[in-house]
Amino acid sequence: MPDSLLPRPWTLLPDLGLAQPGWEQLTLRGRDRAAFLHNFCTNDIKGLAPGRGCEAFLTNIKGRILGHIAVFAGNDELAIVAAPGSIDGLRAHLDRYLITEDVEFSLPPQPAPMRYVFGNGAAAALGTAAGMDLSGLENCASAACEIAGRGLSLRRFDVLAAPGFEVRLANACSDPDADLAAVVATLPGVVEASDADFDAWRIDAGTPRYGVDIDDGCLAQEAARTARAISFTKGCYLGQEPIARVDALGHVNRLLRLIVFEGSATPAAGDVLQDVGSGAELGRLTSVGRTTGSAAVGLALVRTSAGPGAELRAVSADGPVSGRIVAIE
């Protein structure tokens, strides 16, 4: 298959971009908050110092994914950030197991007021506005600052192929959108991204969205986030045994894959993917996107036998669309 003449979406990322992804937040307080959450997710929560964080999955007893989350540790709280529409279910799941532990759940208005500033110039722009150096802030780390007279929490959370920062107001206010607009106004040259462009960039980075690309039918390792989101040394937690068993066996039967398609045709989520040589069904597209002038990209849970470089076709309503699996970096 000849290489597509169209560039990947990530090559068209702005140097400084702005989005409103609508992520939801659940806050945990109380002296047992870290130990409690540690018992229900795949990464090491008890090891997080204030200002640090991690990516993780909440899993059920069978090791299947109930939520894909980022956890940020503060001085007296843990903040869970998750995809739109998922926080209520995660809170209900955790609440089932809360008996005598000193843990309090807090739900701000959903989606909590925030902006997402991203791009290779994001750290410099925010750092200049805040009067601090953010170049060393690692993924899932956070810092408190003030911009335009507003107290903020800046959380680095990379979901695209460039650094990204959640900008959240540190204190309640009467008009959060106006306060956030004042903060954004200090970032010269920022480009507001459409939802469609942001989704294409997310897909091209291989970042799954819970409820779309992964759900409670997926084993944790199928999401292709193992190195980022799963600790095999943290000890016991709900779902740990089947996850450890998969690790010992060495593989799962399917894996989230990134596909880059040729030409101007765009397949649709739900389209069947077939091996070009044998015609065998490999999986179905879960997300598809493209930006203006870019190739179409998609995510799909695909048989592990089809790895990077494998050529396939999407069986689209308008005819087959050729593509190739590429590595998620």
Protein backbone atom coordinates (compact mmCIF):
# COMPACT_ATOMS: atom_id res chain seq x y z
CA MET A 1 0.00 0.00 0.00
CA PRO A 2 1.52 3.37 -0.88
CA ASP A 3 1.93 5.87 1.91
CA SER A 4 -0.88 8.38 2.27
CA LEU A 5 -0.13 11.75 0.70
CA LEU A 6 -2.00 13.48 3.53
CA PRO A 7 -0.24 14.38 6.80
CA ARG A 8 -1.17 12.90 10.16
CA PRO A 9 -3.41 15.16 12.29
CA TRP A 10 -0.73 15.61 14.97
CA THR A 11 1.52 17.39 12.46
CA LEU A 12 -1.14 20.13 12.26
CA LEU A 13 -1.31 20.81 15.99
CA PRO A 14 -1.12 24.52 16.83
CA ASP A 15 1.86 25.68 18.86
CA LEU A 16 -0.60 27.01 21.43
CA GLY A 17 -4.13 25.63 21.48
CA LEU A 18 -7.22 25.84 23.67
CA ALA A 19 -10.00 23.31 24.18
CA GLN A 20 -12.92 22.54 26.49
CA PRO A 21 -12.99 18.72 26.61
CA GLY A 22 -15.68 18.58 29.29
CA TRP A 23 -13.81 16.26 31.63
CA GLU A 24 -15.48 15.56 34.96
CA GLN A 25 -13.97 15.55 38.43
CA LEU A 26 -14.50 13.70 41.70
CA THR A 27 -12.61 14.88 44.78
CA LEU A 28 -11.70 12.60 47.70
CA ARG A 29 -10.85 14.00 51.13
CA GLY A 30 -10.21 12.42 54.51
CA ARG A 31 -7.20 10.71 56.08
CA ASP A 32 -7.91 7.36 54.38
CA ARG A 33 -8.40 8.76 50.86
CA ALA A 34 -5.13 7.47 49.37
CA ALA A 35 -5.30 4.00 50.90
CA PHE A 36 -8.95 3.67 49.90
CA LEU A 37 -8.51 4.65 46.25
CA HIS A 38 -5.31 2.59 46.06
CA ASN A 39 -7.41 -0.52 46.71
CA PHE A 40 -9.58 0.00 43.63
CA CYS A 41 -7.31 1.13 40.82
CA THR A 42 -4.37 -0.15 38.84
CA ASN A 43 -1.69 2.39 39.72
CA ASP A 44 0.15 3.32 42.91
CA ILE A 45 -1.95 5.96 44.66
CA LYS A 46 -0.39 5.67 48.12
CA GLY A 47 2.97 6.62 46.64
CA LEU A 48 1.76 9.98 45.30
CA ALA A 49 3.20 13.03 47.03
CA PRO A 50 1.31 16.34 46.87
CA GLY A 51 1.74 17.83 43.42
CA ARG A 52 2.18 14.44 41.80
CA GLY A 53 -0.29 12.26 39.92
CA CYS A 54 -0.78 9.26 37.69
CA GLU A 55 -2.99 7.67 35.07
CA ALA A 56 -4.95 4.59 36.15
CA PHE A 57 -7.90 2.32 35.55
CA LEU A 58 -10.66 1.48 37.98
CA THR A 59 -11.44 -2.20 37.42
CA ASN A 60 -13.95 -4.76 38.59
CA ILE A 61 -13.09 -8.11 40.13
CA LYS A 62 -12.59 -9.58 36.64
CA GLY A 63 -9.97 -6.97 35.72
CA ARG A 64 -12.30 -5.19 33.32
CA ILE A 65 -12.28 -1.43 33.00
CA LEU A 66 -14.87 0.61 34.89
CA GLY A 67 -13.10 3.91 34.37
CA HIS A 68 -10.01 5.46 32.80
CA ILE A 69 -8.83 8.22 35.11
CA ALA A 70 -6.09 10.67 35.96
CA VAL A 71 -5.42 11.14 39.68
CA PHE A 72 -3.86 14.34 41.05
CA ALA A 73 -2.68 14.52 44.67
CA GLY A 74 -3.05 17.73 46.64
CA ASN A 75 -2.12 18.53 50.22
CA ASP A 76 -5.43 17.33 51.61
CA GLU A 77 -7.29 15.80 48.67
CA LEU A 78 -7.16 13.54 45.64
CA ALA A 79 -8.78 14.71 42.43
CA ILE A 80 -10.02 12.11 39.95
CA VAL A 81 -10.49 13.39 36.39
CA ALA A 82 -12.42 11.25 33.91
CA ALA A 83 -14.26 11.35 30.60
CA PRO A 84 -17.59 13.16 30.29
CA GLY A 85 -20.50 11.14 31.63
CA SER A 86 -18.44 8.73 33.72
CA ILE A 87 -17.94 10.29 37.15
CA ASP A 88 -21.37 9.44 38.59
CA GLY A 89 -20.80 5.76 37.84
CA LEU A 90 -17.31 5.83 39.35
CA ARG A 91 -18.57 7.49 42.51
CA ALA A 92 -21.35 4.90 42.85
CA HIS A 93 -18.81 2.10 42.40
CA LEU A 94 -16.46 3.48 45.06
CA ASP A 95 -19.30 4.32 47.42
CA ARG A 96 -20.36 0.65 47.48
CA TYR A 97 -17.09 -0.23 49.23
CA LEU A 98 -16.93 2.71 51.64
CA ILE A 99 -17.71 1.35 55.11
CA THR A 100 -15.77 2.86 58.02
CA GLU A 101 -12.95 4.60 56.15
CA ASP A 102 -12.48 8.33 56.62
CA VAL A 103 -13.19 9.33 53.02
CA GLU A 104 -15.50 12.04 51.75
CA PHE A 105 -16.57 12.40 48.12
CA SER A 106 -17.17 15.82 46.60
CA LEU A 107 -18.71 16.48 43.19
CA PRO A 108 -18.38 19.99 41.74
CA PRO A 109 -20.74 21.05 38.95
CA GLN A 110 -20.14 18.78 35.96
CA PRO A 111 -18.30 19.40 33.82
CA ALA A 112 -16.17 21.34 36.30
CA PRO A 113 -15.15 24.75 34.91
CA MET A 114 -11.75 24.35 33.26
CA ARG A 115 -9.82 24.99 30.08
CA TYR A 116 -7.22 22.79 28.43
CA VAL A 117 -4.18 24.59 27.03
CA PHE A 118 -1.98 22.46 24.80
CA GLY A 119 0.85 22.55 22.29
CA ASN A 120 4.61 22.73 22.28
CA GLY A 121 4.35 26.36 23.35
CA ALA A 122 1.87 25.76 26.19
CA ALA A 123 4.37 25.47 29.06
CA ALA A 124 6.19 28.64 28.03
CA ALA A 125 3.00 30.65 27.53
CA LEU A 126 1.43 29.61 30.82
CA GLY A 127 4.75 29.97 32.63
CA THR A 128 5.20 33.51 31.35
CA ALA A 129 1.66 34.46 32.40
CA ALA A 130 2.14 32.88 35.83
CA GLY A 131 5.69 34.11 36.39
CA MET A 132 7.05 30.59 36.91
CA ASP A 133 8.97 27.91 35.04
CA LEU A 134 6.70 25.06 33.95
CA SER A 135 9.17 23.39 31.60
CA GLY A 136 10.01 20.71 34.18
CA LEU A 137 6.43 19.90 35.18
CA GLU A 138 6.01 16.22 34.36
CA ASN A 139 2.92 14.52 33.01
CA CYS A 140 0.24 14.17 35.73
CA ALA A 141 2.03 16.66 37.98
CA SER A 142 0.37 19.87 39.16
CA ALA A 143 1.28 23.33 40.39
CA ALA A 144 -0.55 26.22 42.02
CA CYS A 145 -0.19 29.66 40.49
CA GLU A 146 -1.92 32.97 39.83
CA ILE A 147 -2.73 34.41 36.41
CA ALA A 148 -4.71 37.61 35.83
CA GLY A 149 -5.34 37.80 39.57
CA ARG A 150 -7.05 34.39 39.65
CA GLY A 151 -5.75 31.54 41.76
CA LEU A 152 -5.33 28.46 39.60
CA SER A 153 -4.41 24.82 39.66
CA LEU A 154 -2.37 23.85 36.61
CA ARG A 155 -2.32 20.11 35.96
CA ARG A 156 -0.24 18.65 33.20
CA PHE A 157 -2.13 15.84 31.51
CA ASP A 158 -0.93 14.88 28.04
CA VAL A 159 -3.70 13.40 25.90
CA LEU A 160 -2.39 14.68 22.56
CA ALA A 161 1.00 14.42 20.85
CA ALA A 162 2.10 17.60 22.65
CA PRO A 163 2.10 18.79 26.28
CA GLY A 164 -1.27 19.81 27.70
CA PHE A 165 -2.38 21.56 30.88
CA GLU A 166 -5.70 21.61 32.66
CA VAL A 167 -6.34 25.14 33.91
CA ARG A 168 -8.77 25.05 36.83
CA LEU A 169 -9.86 27.80 39.20
CA ALA A 170 -8.56 27.13 42.70
CA ASN A 171 -11.53 28.80 44.41
CA ALA A 172 -15.27 29.00 43.85
CA CYS A 173 -16.49 32.15 42.12
CA SER A 174 -19.71 33.63 40.80
CA ASP A 175 -18.71 33.59 37.12
CA PRO A 176 -16.06 30.93 36.42
CA ASP A 177 -16.31 31.28 32.65
CA ALA A 178 -15.49 34.98 32.87
CA ASP A 179 -12.54 34.30 35.17
CA LEU A 180 -11.21 31.60 32.86
CA ALA A 181 -11.64 33.91 29.88
CA ALA A 182 -9.50 36.49 31.69
CA VAL A 183 -6.81 33.85 32.16
CA VAL A 184 -6.92 32.80 28.50
CA ALA A 185 -6.64 36.45 27.44
CA THR A 186 -3.09 36.48 28.84
CA LEU A 187 -2.02 33.84 26.29
CA PRO A 188 -1.24 35.69 23.04
CA GLY A 189 -1.76 33.71 19.86
CA VAL A 190 -3.79 30.92 21.44
CA VAL A 191 -5.94 29.04 18.90
CA GLU A 192 -9.30 27.67 20.04
CA ALA A 193 -9.77 24.15 18.71
CA SER A 194 -13.05 22.74 17.50
CA ASP A 195 -14.37 19.61 19.19
CA ALA A 196 -13.81 17.68 15.95
CA ASP A 197 -10.17 18.75 15.64
CA PHE A 198 -9.47 18.01 19.30
CA ASP A 199 -10.97 14.55 18.92
CA ALA A 200 -8.85 13.85 15.83
CA TRP A 201 -5.72 14.85 17.73
CA ARG A 202 -6.76 12.66 20.66
CA ILE A 203 -7.27 9.70 18.35
CA ASP A 204 -3.94 10.30 16.61
CA ALA A 205 -2.21 10.20 20.01
CA GLY A 206 -3.80 6.82 20.74
CA THR A 207 -5.67 8.14 23.79
CA PRO A 208 -8.89 6.17 24.32
CA ARG A 209 -12.12 7.76 25.50
CA TYR A 210 -14.01 5.71 28.04
CA GLY A 211 -17.45 4.71 26.83
CA VAL A 212 -16.34 5.07 23.21
CA ASP A 213 -13.06 3.21 22.64
CA ILE A 214 -12.96 1.19 25.86
CA ASP A 215 -15.65 0.11 28.32
CA ASP A 216 -16.44 -2.49 30.97
CA GLY A 217 -16.08 -5.24 28.38
CA CYS A 218 -12.35 -4.52 28.06
CA LEU A 219 -9.53 -6.00 30.08
CA ALA A 220 -7.17 -3.36 31.44
CA GLN A 221 -4.27 -4.41 29.20
CA GLU A 222 -6.40 -4.21 26.05
CA ALA A 223 -6.36 -0.39 26.27
CA ALA A 224 -2.64 -0.26 25.33
CA ARG A 225 -1.86 1.95 28.35
CA THR A 226 -0.08 -0.64 30.49
CA ALA A 227 3.21 1.22 30.96
CA ARG A 228 1.37 4.43 31.89
CA ALA A 229 -1.54 3.17 33.94
CA ILE A 230 -0.77 -0.21 35.55
CA SER A 231 1.65 -0.95 38.39
CA PHE A 232 2.61 -4.59 38.89
CA THR A 233 4.39 -3.88 42.20
CA LYS A 234 1.76 -1.92 44.16
CA GLY A 235 0.13 -4.93 45.82
CA CYS A 236 -3.46 -6.08 45.95
CA TYR A 237 -6.45 -4.21 44.56
CA LEU A 238 -9.82 -5.09 43.09
CA GLY A 239 -9.13 -6.82 39.76
CA GLN A 240 -5.42 -7.37 40.44
CA GLU A 241 -5.44 -11.16 40.04
CA PRO A 242 -6.74 -11.36 36.44
CA ILE A 243 -4.54 -8.41 35.44
CA ALA A 244 -1.48 -10.14 36.89
CA ARG A 245 -2.52 -13.37 35.16
CA VAL A 246 -2.64 -11.62 31.78
CA ASP A 247 0.82 -10.19 32.45
CA ALA A 248 2.15 -13.66 33.27
CA LEU A 249 0.63 -15.16 30.11
CA GLY A 250 2.21 -12.40 28.06
CA HIS A 251 -0.64 -11.06 25.94
CA VAL A 252 -4.32 -10.36 25.45
CA ASN A 253 -6.27 -11.45 22.37
CA ARG A 254 -7.04 -7.93 21.21
CA LEU A 255 -5.45 -4.53 21.68
CA LEU A 256 -6.35 -0.91 21.03
CA ARG A 257 -4.68 0.06 17.76
CA LEU A 258 -4.23 3.31 15.84
CA ILE A 259 -5.01 3.19 12.12
CA VAL A 260 -4.04 5.82 9.55
CA PHE A 261 -6.19 5.80 6.41
CA GLU A 262 -5.32 6.73 2.85
CA GLY A 263 -6.76 9.50 0.74
CA SER A 264 -9.77 11.72 1.31
CA ALA A 265 -12.33 9.05 2.27
CA THR A 266 -13.33 8.87 5.92
CA PRO A 267 -14.68 5.61 7.37
CA ALA A 268 -17.11 5.67 10.28
CA ALA A 269 -17.09 4.37 13.82
CA GLY A 270 -18.54 0.88 13.76
CA ASP A 271 -17.07 -0.03 10.38
CA VAL A 272 -15.56 -3.50 10.21
CA LEU A 273 -11.80 -3.75 9.70
CA GLN A 274 -10.52 -6.54 7.47
CA ASP A 275 -7.06 -7.90 6.79
CA VAL A 276 -6.12 -6.95 3.22
CA GLY A 277 -4.62 -10.33 2.44
CA SER A 278 -7.07 -12.80 3.93
CA GLY A 279 -10.21 -10.71 4.30
CA ALA A 280 -10.45 -11.86 7.92
CA GLU A 281 -12.27 -9.53 10.30
CA LEU A 282 -9.81 -7.89 12.69
CA GLY A 283 -12.14 -5.64 14.69
CA ARG A 284 -14.36 -2.57 14.42
CA LEU A 285 -13.54 1.11 14.48
CA THR A 286 -14.50 2.84 17.72
CA SER A 287 -13.38 6.42 16.94
CA VAL A 288 -12.58 8.15 13.67
CA GLY A 289 -11.42 11.71 13.05
CA ARG A 290 -9.52 14.04 10.78
CA THR A 291 -8.59 17.71 10.73
CA THR A 292 -8.74 19.97 7.68
CA GLY A 293 -6.07 18.76 5.28
CA SER A 294 -5.11 15.66 7.27
CA ALA A 295 -5.45 11.94 6.80
CA ALA A 296 -8.29 10.20 8.62
CA VAL A 297 -7.24 8.28 11.73
CA GLY A 298 -9.11 5.77 13.83
CA LEU A 299 -8.92 3.68 16.97
CA ALA A 300 -10.10 0.10 17.16
CA LEU A 301 -9.78 -2.97 19.35
CA VAL A 302 -7.97 -5.27 16.95
CA ARG A 303 -6.67 -8.82 17.12
CA THR A 304 -3.16 -8.75 18.54
CA SER A 305 -1.91 -10.70 15.53
CA ALA A 306 -2.30 -7.48 13.53
CA GLY A 307 0.49 -5.20 14.71
CA PRO A 308 2.08 -1.96 13.51
CA GLY A 309 2.61 -2.04 9.77
CA ALA A 310 -0.33 -4.37 9.11
CA GLU A 311 -2.39 -3.31 6.10
CA LEU A 312 -6.17 -3.41 6.39
CA ARG A 313 -9.33 -1.92 4.99
CA ALA A 314 -12.40 -0.43 6.60
CA VAL A 315 -15.64 -1.72 5.10
CA SER A 316 -17.37 1.64 4.73
CA ALA A 317 -20.84 2.42 3.40
CA ASP A 318 -19.16 4.31 0.54
CA GLY A 319 -16.71 1.53 -0.24
CA PRO A 320 -13.51 0.13 1.28
CA VAL A 321 -10.96 2.54 2.75
CA SER A 322 -7.36 1.34 2.90
CA GLY A 323 -5.31 1.91 6.02
CA ARG A 324 -2.35 0.78 8.05
CA ILE A 325 -1.80 0.17 11.76
CA VAL A 326 0.84 2.47 13.24
CA ALA A 327 2.48 2.35 16.64
CA ILE A 328 0.99 4.31 19.52
CA GLU A 329 3.85 6.31 20.98
